[in-house]
N, C-alpha and C. Protein backbone atom coordinates (compact mmCIF):
# COMPACT_ATOMS: atom_id res chain seq x y z
N MET A 1 -54.93 -22.49 -69.78
CA MET A 1 -53.01 -22.01 -69.46
C MET A 1 -52.94 -20.66 -69.39
N LYS A 2 -53.66 -19.66 -70.63
CA LYS A 2 -53.57 -18.25 -70.28
C LYS A 2 -54.42 -17.98 -69.13
N THR A 3 -55.33 -18.24 -68.58
CA THR A 3 -55.85 -17.78 -67.44
C THR A 3 -55.08 -17.99 -66.15
N LYS A 4 -53.99 -19.01 -66.04
CA LYS A 4 -53.05 -18.96 -65.29
C LYS A 4 -51.94 -17.58 -65.45
N LYS A 5 -51.51 -17.62 -66.74
CA LYS A 5 -50.38 -17.02 -66.65
C LYS A 5 -50.88 -15.55 -66.47
N THR A 6 -52.31 -15.19 -66.92
CA THR A 6 -52.79 -14.08 -66.35
C THR A 6 -52.70 -13.75 -65.25
N LEU A 7 -52.79 -14.82 -64.15
CA LEU A 7 -53.29 -14.72 -63.00
C LEU A 7 -51.75 -14.70 -62.28
N LEU A 8 -50.83 -14.98 -62.68
CA LEU A 8 -49.58 -14.96 -62.53
C LEU A 8 -49.39 -13.96 -62.54
N THR A 9 -49.29 -13.22 -63.74
CA THR A 9 -48.94 -11.27 -63.74
C THR A 9 -49.63 -10.49 -62.78
N LEU A 10 -50.86 -10.96 -62.87
CA LEU A 10 -51.38 -10.39 -61.63
C LEU A 10 -51.00 -10.23 -60.20
N LEU A 11 -50.48 -11.07 -60.13
CA LEU A 11 -50.16 -11.52 -58.72
C LEU A 11 -48.64 -10.67 -58.40
N ILE A 12 -47.94 -11.25 -59.58
CA ILE A 12 -46.36 -10.79 -59.54
C ILE A 12 -46.92 -8.96 -59.24
N LEU A 13 -47.71 -8.09 -60.61
CA LEU A 13 -47.81 -6.97 -60.36
C LEU A 13 -48.70 -6.77 -59.01
N SER A 14 -49.23 -7.40 -58.36
CA SER A 14 -49.87 -6.82 -57.29
C SER A 14 -48.83 -6.71 -55.95
N ILE A 15 -47.95 -7.76 -55.57
CA ILE A 15 -46.94 -8.23 -54.92
C ILE A 15 -46.02 -7.04 -54.84
N SER A 16 -45.32 -6.93 -56.03
CA SER A 16 -44.57 -5.26 -56.63
C SER A 16 -44.81 -4.27 -56.21
N PHE A 17 -45.91 -4.11 -56.38
CA PHE A 17 -46.85 -2.62 -56.43
C PHE A 17 -47.07 -2.60 -54.36
N SER A 18 -47.44 -3.78 -54.15
CA SER A 18 -47.26 -3.67 -52.58
C SER A 18 -46.14 -3.78 -51.46
N LEU A 19 -44.88 -3.93 -51.92
CA LEU A 19 -43.80 -3.92 -51.86
C LEU A 19 -43.29 -2.75 -52.02
N PHE A 20 -43.66 -1.86 -53.44
CA PHE A 20 -43.05 -0.30 -53.40
C PHE A 20 -43.90 0.47 -52.41
N SER A 21 -45.42 0.38 -52.33
CA SER A 21 -46.14 1.38 -51.37
C SER A 21 -45.46 1.29 -49.75
N GLN A 22 -44.88 -0.13 -49.26
CA GLN A 22 -44.32 -0.20 -48.77
C GLN A 22 -43.48 0.97 -47.87
N ASN A 23 -42.53 0.56 -48.81
CA ASN A 23 -40.84 1.11 -49.02
C ASN A 23 -41.75 2.55 -48.53
N ILE A 24 -42.19 3.06 -49.18
CA ILE A 24 -42.36 4.80 -49.50
C ILE A 24 -43.19 5.09 -47.97
N ALA A 25 -44.23 4.34 -47.80
CA ALA A 25 -45.04 4.70 -46.72
C ALA A 25 -44.07 4.16 -45.52
N LYS A 26 -42.81 3.40 -45.21
CA LYS A 26 -42.09 3.42 -44.16
C LYS A 26 -41.43 4.46 -44.22
N GLY A 27 -40.78 5.07 -44.98
CA GLY A 27 -39.86 5.95 -44.92
C GLY A 27 -40.43 7.15 -44.53
N PHE A 28 -42.31 7.52 -45.23
CA PHE A 28 -42.83 8.86 -45.12
C PHE A 28 -42.53 9.24 -43.92
N ILE A 29 -42.90 8.86 -42.99
CA ILE A 29 -43.08 9.51 -41.20
C ILE A 29 -41.72 9.89 -41.19
N LYS A 30 -40.44 9.81 -41.38
CA LYS A 30 -39.50 10.52 -41.04
C LYS A 30 -39.46 12.25 -41.55
N GLY A 31 -39.20 13.00 -40.61
CA GLY A 31 -39.29 14.87 -40.84
C GLY A 31 -39.61 15.12 -39.97
N LYS A 32 -39.52 16.23 -40.07
CA LYS A 32 -40.48 16.93 -39.06
C LYS A 32 -42.07 17.19 -38.96
N TRP A 33 -42.59 17.31 -37.70
CA TRP A 33 -44.40 17.25 -37.72
C TRP A 33 -44.36 18.27 -36.62
N SER A 34 -45.21 19.02 -36.89
CA SER A 34 -45.74 19.98 -35.88
C SER A 34 -47.31 19.62 -35.16
N THR A 35 -46.99 20.09 -33.71
CA THR A 35 -48.14 19.42 -32.93
C THR A 35 -49.85 20.25 -32.70
N PRO A 36 -50.53 19.79 -32.58
CA PRO A 36 -51.26 20.89 -32.22
C PRO A 36 -50.91 22.20 -31.25
N GLU A 37 -50.03 22.40 -30.52
CA GLU A 37 -49.43 23.17 -29.68
C GLU A 37 -48.51 23.91 -29.97
N GLY A 38 -48.13 23.72 -31.55
CA GLY A 38 -46.94 24.25 -31.64
C GLY A 38 -45.51 23.69 -32.04
N ASP A 39 -45.22 22.96 -31.03
CA ASP A 39 -44.17 22.04 -30.53
C ASP A 39 -43.87 21.39 -31.86
N ILE A 40 -42.25 21.17 -32.50
CA ILE A 40 -41.89 20.72 -33.43
C ILE A 40 -41.26 19.35 -33.13
N ILE A 41 -41.39 18.40 -33.96
CA ILE A 41 -40.90 16.68 -32.96
C ILE A 41 -40.65 16.50 -34.66
N GLU A 42 -39.23 15.72 -34.53
CA GLU A 42 -38.40 14.86 -35.75
C GLU A 42 -38.45 13.69 -35.34
N ILE A 43 -38.74 13.11 -36.33
CA ILE A 43 -39.17 11.61 -36.46
C ILE A 43 -38.04 10.77 -37.43
N TYR A 44 -37.24 9.75 -36.57
CA TYR A 44 -36.23 9.35 -37.34
C TYR A 44 -35.92 8.42 -37.29
N GLU A 45 -35.46 7.30 -37.90
CA GLU A 45 -34.80 5.89 -37.95
C GLU A 45 -33.72 5.25 -37.43
N TYR A 46 -33.98 4.57 -36.40
CA TYR A 46 -32.87 4.12 -35.65
C TYR A 46 -32.78 2.57 -35.58
N GLU A 47 -31.97 1.73 -36.40
CA GLU A 47 -32.39 0.25 -36.35
C GLU A 47 -33.34 -0.29 -36.45
N ASN A 48 -34.08 0.19 -37.58
CA ASN A 48 -35.73 0.03 -38.36
C ASN A 48 -36.70 0.51 -37.29
N LEU A 49 -36.49 1.00 -36.60
CA LEU A 49 -37.51 1.52 -35.41
C LEU A 49 -37.48 3.13 -35.21
N TYR A 50 -38.69 3.84 -34.92
CA TYR A 50 -38.76 5.06 -35.08
C TYR A 50 -38.58 5.84 -34.04
N TYR A 51 -38.29 7.24 -34.34
CA TYR A 51 -38.00 7.75 -32.24
C TYR A 51 -38.61 8.93 -32.87
N GLY A 52 -38.96 9.76 -32.31
CA GLY A 52 -39.57 11.19 -32.49
C GLY A 52 -38.73 12.32 -31.20
N LYS A 53 -37.62 12.94 -31.47
CA LYS A 53 -37.46 14.04 -30.63
C LYS A 53 -37.85 15.42 -30.81
N ILE A 54 -37.61 15.98 -29.70
CA ILE A 54 -38.54 17.38 -29.66
C ILE A 54 -37.31 18.06 -30.34
N ALA A 55 -37.59 18.70 -31.49
CA ALA A 55 -36.57 19.65 -32.10
C ALA A 55 -36.98 21.17 -31.75
N SER A 56 -37.78 21.72 -31.01
CA SER A 56 -38.52 22.65 -30.45
C SER A 56 -39.43 22.78 -30.28
N LEU A 57 -39.82 23.84 -29.27
CA LEU A 57 -41.04 24.03 -28.35
C LEU A 57 -41.83 25.68 -28.52
N LYS A 58 -42.32 25.47 -28.74
CA LYS A 58 -43.20 26.75 -28.77
C LYS A 58 -43.30 27.53 -27.10
N GLU A 59 -43.79 27.03 -26.55
CA GLU A 59 -43.22 27.45 -25.16
C GLU A 59 -42.12 26.72 -24.34
N ASN A 60 -40.82 27.70 -24.59
CA ASN A 60 -39.57 26.90 -24.37
C ASN A 60 -38.92 27.40 -23.14
N LYS A 61 -40.22 28.22 -22.42
CA LYS A 61 -39.43 28.75 -20.95
C LYS A 61 -40.38 28.95 -20.04
N ASP A 62 -39.63 28.71 -18.82
CA ASP A 62 -40.09 28.46 -17.72
C ASP A 62 -40.79 30.01 -16.92
N GLU A 63 -41.62 30.03 -15.95
CA GLU A 63 -41.70 31.27 -15.64
C GLU A 63 -40.86 32.35 -15.29
N ASP A 64 -39.26 31.66 -14.70
CA ASP A 64 -38.54 32.78 -15.00
C ASP A 64 -37.97 33.22 -16.04
N GLY A 65 -37.90 32.66 -17.28
CA GLY A 65 -37.26 33.05 -18.34
C GLY A 65 -36.18 31.60 -18.82
N ASN A 66 -36.25 31.03 -18.38
CA ASN A 66 -34.89 29.63 -18.37
C ASN A 66 -35.97 28.72 -19.09
N PRO A 67 -34.81 28.17 -20.34
CA PRO A 67 -35.38 26.73 -20.85
C PRO A 67 -35.87 25.80 -20.04
N LEU A 68 -36.94 25.58 -20.66
CA LEU A 68 -37.59 24.24 -19.92
C LEU A 68 -36.70 23.01 -19.94
N LYS A 69 -36.84 22.41 -18.77
CA LYS A 69 -35.97 20.98 -18.23
C LYS A 69 -37.03 19.54 -18.19
N ASP A 70 -36.43 18.63 -17.98
CA ASP A 70 -36.88 17.76 -17.96
C ASP A 70 -37.33 17.46 -15.94
N TYR A 71 -37.84 18.58 -15.39
CA TYR A 71 -38.15 19.10 -14.21
C TYR A 71 -38.85 17.86 -13.25
N PHE A 72 -39.57 16.72 -13.63
CA PHE A 72 -40.53 15.90 -12.99
C PHE A 72 -40.28 14.29 -13.56
N ASN A 73 -39.00 14.31 -14.28
CA ASN A 73 -38.63 13.32 -14.48
C ASN A 73 -37.91 12.43 -13.21
N PRO A 74 -38.49 10.90 -13.09
CA PRO A 74 -37.91 10.03 -11.73
C PRO A 74 -36.46 10.02 -11.46
N VAL A 75 -35.95 9.72 -12.49
CA VAL A 75 -34.65 9.83 -12.36
C VAL A 75 -34.00 11.59 -12.29
N LYS A 76 -33.31 11.06 -11.16
CA LYS A 76 -33.06 12.90 -10.63
C LYS A 76 -31.89 13.27 -11.51
N GLU A 77 -30.88 12.55 -11.81
CA GLU A 77 -30.23 12.99 -12.72
C GLU A 77 -30.51 13.70 -14.00
N LEU A 78 -31.56 13.17 -14.41
CA LEU A 78 -32.05 13.61 -16.09
C LEU A 78 -32.79 15.08 -15.53
N ARG A 79 -33.26 15.65 -14.48
CA ARG A 79 -34.10 16.43 -14.04
C ARG A 79 -33.40 18.02 -14.89
N ASP A 80 -32.31 17.96 -14.75
CA ASP A 80 -31.57 19.14 -15.35
C ASP A 80 -31.21 18.82 -17.33
N ARG A 81 -31.64 18.04 -17.71
CA ARG A 81 -31.84 18.15 -18.87
C ARG A 81 -32.71 18.78 -19.71
N SER A 82 -32.31 19.55 -20.86
CA SER A 82 -33.53 20.53 -21.74
C SER A 82 -34.43 19.59 -22.04
N LEU A 83 -35.63 19.71 -22.42
CA LEU A 83 -36.39 19.02 -23.24
C LEU A 83 -36.43 19.42 -24.67
N VAL A 84 -35.71 20.03 -25.49
CA VAL A 84 -35.49 19.84 -26.45
C VAL A 84 -34.18 18.97 -26.74
N GLY A 85 -34.55 18.17 -27.79
CA GLY A 85 -33.51 17.48 -27.80
C GLY A 85 -33.98 15.57 -27.22
N ILE A 86 -34.64 15.57 -26.18
CA ILE A 86 -34.97 14.16 -26.01
C ILE A 86 -35.83 13.83 -26.68
N ASP A 87 -36.08 12.43 -26.80
CA ASP A 87 -36.43 11.48 -27.24
C ASP A 87 -38.33 11.52 -26.38
N LEU A 88 -39.06 11.91 -27.21
CA LEU A 88 -40.55 12.17 -26.69
C LEU A 88 -41.12 10.58 -27.57
N VAL A 89 -41.24 10.09 -28.20
CA VAL A 89 -41.74 8.74 -29.20
C VAL A 89 -40.37 8.08 -29.07
N MET A 90 -40.51 6.76 -28.89
CA MET A 90 -39.78 5.65 -28.91
C MET A 90 -40.08 4.21 -29.20
N GLY A 91 -39.14 3.84 -30.33
CA GLY A 91 -39.89 2.29 -30.76
C GLY A 91 -40.50 1.69 -31.16
N LEU A 92 -40.84 2.94 -32.40
CA LEU A 92 -42.28 2.27 -33.02
C LEU A 92 -41.62 1.93 -34.42
N GLU A 93 -42.22 0.55 -34.90
CA GLU A 93 -42.18 -0.26 -35.82
C GLU A 93 -43.21 -0.12 -36.70
N PHE A 94 -42.95 0.16 -37.97
CA PHE A 94 -43.80 0.16 -39.25
C PHE A 94 -44.42 -1.37 -39.38
N ASP A 95 -46.13 -1.59 -39.43
CA ASP A 95 -46.89 -2.58 -39.54
C ASP A 95 -46.89 -3.45 -40.66
N GLY A 96 -45.95 -2.34 -41.97
CA GLY A 96 -46.07 -2.95 -43.45
C GLY A 96 -47.26 -2.27 -44.04
N ASP A 97 -48.21 -1.41 -43.48
CA ASP A 97 -49.32 -1.40 -44.24
C ASP A 97 -49.86 0.57 -43.87
N ASP A 98 -49.93 0.72 -42.70
CA ASP A 98 -50.14 2.30 -42.82
C ASP A 98 -49.98 2.96 -41.17
N GLU A 99 -49.59 2.17 -40.18
CA GLU A 99 -49.41 2.30 -38.86
C GLU A 99 -48.11 1.78 -38.52
N TRP A 100 -47.62 2.65 -37.54
CA TRP A 100 -45.96 2.70 -36.89
C TRP A 100 -46.64 1.89 -35.32
N LYS A 101 -46.36 0.74 -34.82
CA LYS A 101 -47.22 0.39 -34.00
C LYS A 101 -45.68 0.14 -32.57
N GLY A 102 -46.58 -0.32 -31.44
CA GLY A 102 -45.17 -1.11 -30.76
C GLY A 102 -44.38 0.11 -29.69
N GLY A 103 -44.99 1.43 -29.97
CA GLY A 103 -44.19 2.15 -29.44
C GLY A 103 -44.21 3.06 -28.04
N ARG A 104 -43.43 4.07 -27.42
CA ARG A 104 -44.13 4.53 -26.54
C ARG A 104 -43.75 5.94 -26.49
N ILE A 105 -44.37 7.21 -25.87
CA ILE A 105 -44.42 7.56 -25.58
C ILE A 105 -44.00 8.26 -24.26
N TYR A 106 -42.69 9.74 -23.70
CA TYR A 106 -42.93 10.05 -22.84
C TYR A 106 -43.69 11.33 -22.40
N LEU A 107 -44.36 11.39 -21.39
CA LEU A 107 -44.96 12.98 -21.50
C LEU A 107 -44.36 13.63 -20.17
N PRO A 108 -43.49 14.58 -20.50
CA PRO A 108 -42.42 14.91 -19.59
C PRO A 108 -42.90 16.02 -17.92
N SER A 109 -44.04 16.50 -18.82
CA SER A 109 -45.16 17.21 -17.84
C SER A 109 -45.96 16.66 -16.75
N GLU A 110 -46.13 15.16 -17.27
CA GLU A 110 -46.72 13.83 -16.16
C GLU A 110 -46.01 13.11 -15.65
N CYS A 111 -44.62 12.77 -16.35
CA CYS A 111 -43.29 12.02 -15.93
C CYS A 111 -44.11 10.66 -15.95
N LEU A 112 -44.44 10.32 -17.24
CA LEU A 112 -45.26 8.95 -17.75
C LEU A 112 -45.15 8.77 -18.90
N VAL A 113 -44.67 7.52 -19.09
CA VAL A 113 -44.37 6.72 -20.22
C VAL A 113 -45.34 5.91 -20.87
N LEU A 114 -46.17 5.86 -22.05
CA LEU A 114 -46.98 5.33 -21.95
C LEU A 114 -47.05 4.71 -23.41
N GLU A 115 -47.69 3.65 -23.83
CA GLU A 115 -47.81 3.46 -25.08
C GLU A 115 -48.20 4.26 -26.24
N CYS A 116 -48.14 3.69 -27.96
CA CYS A 116 -48.49 4.92 -28.11
C CYS A 116 -47.79 3.86 -29.78
N LYS A 117 -48.99 4.52 -30.60
CA LYS A 117 -49.00 4.09 -32.00
C LYS A 117 -48.72 5.56 -33.24
N ILE A 118 -48.80 5.08 -34.51
CA ILE A 118 -49.02 6.95 -35.33
C ILE A 118 -49.60 6.23 -36.23
N GLU A 119 -50.77 6.49 -36.89
CA GLU A 119 -51.51 6.43 -38.17
C GLU A 119 -50.99 7.03 -39.15
N TYR A 120 -50.74 6.75 -40.59
CA TYR A 120 -50.70 7.98 -41.56
C TYR A 120 -52.49 7.97 -42.00
N LEU A 121 -52.44 9.19 -42.16
CA LEU A 121 -53.69 10.11 -42.14
C LEU A 121 -53.60 10.59 -44.05
N ASP A 122 -52.64 11.28 -44.41
CA ASP A 122 -52.32 11.95 -46.00
C ASP A 122 -51.14 12.16 -45.85
N GLN A 123 -50.65 12.66 -47.05
CA GLN A 123 -49.41 13.11 -46.90
C GLN A 123 -48.91 14.19 -46.07
N ASP A 124 -49.88 15.01 -45.51
CA ASP A 124 -49.30 16.12 -44.68
C ASP A 124 -49.80 15.99 -43.47
N ARG A 125 -50.40 14.67 -43.08
CA ARG A 125 -50.95 14.24 -41.07
C ARG A 125 -50.92 13.03 -41.31
N ILE A 126 -50.22 12.87 -39.87
CA ILE A 126 -50.29 11.60 -38.98
C ILE A 126 -51.40 12.03 -37.68
N ASN A 127 -51.11 10.69 -36.92
CA ASN A 127 -52.58 10.47 -35.94
C ASN A 127 -52.04 10.22 -35.05
N LEU A 128 -51.35 10.84 -33.69
CA LEU A 128 -50.64 9.97 -32.65
C LEU A 128 -51.69 9.43 -31.64
N VAL A 129 -51.77 8.30 -31.59
CA VAL A 129 -53.05 7.90 -30.41
C VAL A 129 -51.80 6.85 -29.57
N ILE A 130 -52.69 7.09 -28.43
CA ILE A 130 -52.26 6.44 -27.04
C ILE A 130 -53.41 6.22 -26.35
N PRO A 131 -53.48 4.73 -26.11
CA PRO A 131 -54.48 4.07 -25.58
C PRO A 131 -54.22 4.52 -24.16
N LEU A 132 -55.56 4.59 -23.77
CA LEU A 132 -55.91 5.06 -22.29
C LEU A 132 -56.48 4.01 -21.83
N GLY A 133 -56.99 2.90 -22.25
CA GLY A 133 -57.76 1.38 -21.41
C GLY A 133 -58.56 0.91 -22.73
N MET A 134 -59.41 0.26 -22.25
CA MET A 134 -59.69 -0.74 -23.38
C MET A 134 -60.58 -0.24 -24.41
N PHE A 135 -61.33 0.83 -24.21
CA PHE A 135 -62.08 1.78 -24.86
C PHE A 135 -61.89 2.96 -25.73
N MET A 136 -60.93 3.06 -25.07
CA MET A 136 -60.54 4.94 -24.43
C MET A 136 -59.16 5.00 -25.29
N SER A 137 -59.44 6.43 -25.89
CA SER A 137 -57.90 6.86 -26.68
C SER A 137 -57.53 8.08 -26.35
N GLU A 138 -56.40 8.63 -26.51
CA GLU A 138 -56.17 10.01 -26.76
C GLU A 138 -55.51 10.35 -28.03
N THR A 139 -55.89 11.04 -28.80
CA THR A 139 -55.41 11.25 -30.28
C THR A 139 -54.99 12.51 -30.40
N GLU A 140 -53.94 12.81 -31.50
CA GLU A 140 -53.47 13.97 -31.74
C GLU A 140 -53.07 14.34 -33.20
N ILE A 141 -53.52 14.70 -34.15
CA ILE A 141 -53.04 14.81 -35.19
C ILE A 141 -51.91 16.02 -35.16
N TRP A 142 -50.72 15.29 -36.31
CA TRP A 142 -49.68 16.36 -36.37
C TRP A 142 -49.54 16.52 -37.81
N ARG A 143 -48.95 17.50 -38.21
CA ARG A 143 -49.27 18.03 -39.50
C ARG A 143 -47.22 18.28 -39.91
N ARG A 144 -47.05 17.72 -41.64
CA ARG A 144 -45.84 18.02 -41.65
C ARG A 144 -45.60 19.51 -41.69
N LYS A 145 -44.63 19.39 -41.14
CA LYS A 145 -43.14 21.01 -41.05
C LYS A 145 -42.93 21.28 -42.63
N LYS A 146 -43.49 22.09 -43.09
CA LYS A 146 -42.97 22.78 -44.34
C LYS A 146 -41.88 23.47 -44.30
């Protein structure tokens, strides 16, 4: 009987710890992140999904000194919008462990929308992963902006 009670207590503790950890990790991704290029992406939550908008660009002007716009967007009406403020990452869902999956990333310079996910690395780093085929992917480490 004592063994059953001990096992039950351990089970309850592990479930509680697991739920507590998930809540911390789920919200962990929110905030501002710096890309290797020096751009700042702000990740926010909307209806239990995560999005990342461009908060600022290191290179924010074109050759003529004008603010960068979404020049290559296939929707003609959107080509005049500023890149700052648009959602770059869309629709990520927390997997309950250490990844946000099922999202898409918009690459304005190439006018592409690709699948993506984000992996937790540590308190100050996340890894953006863009699958490029069966065995290949492009990765980029983003650092928390302090």
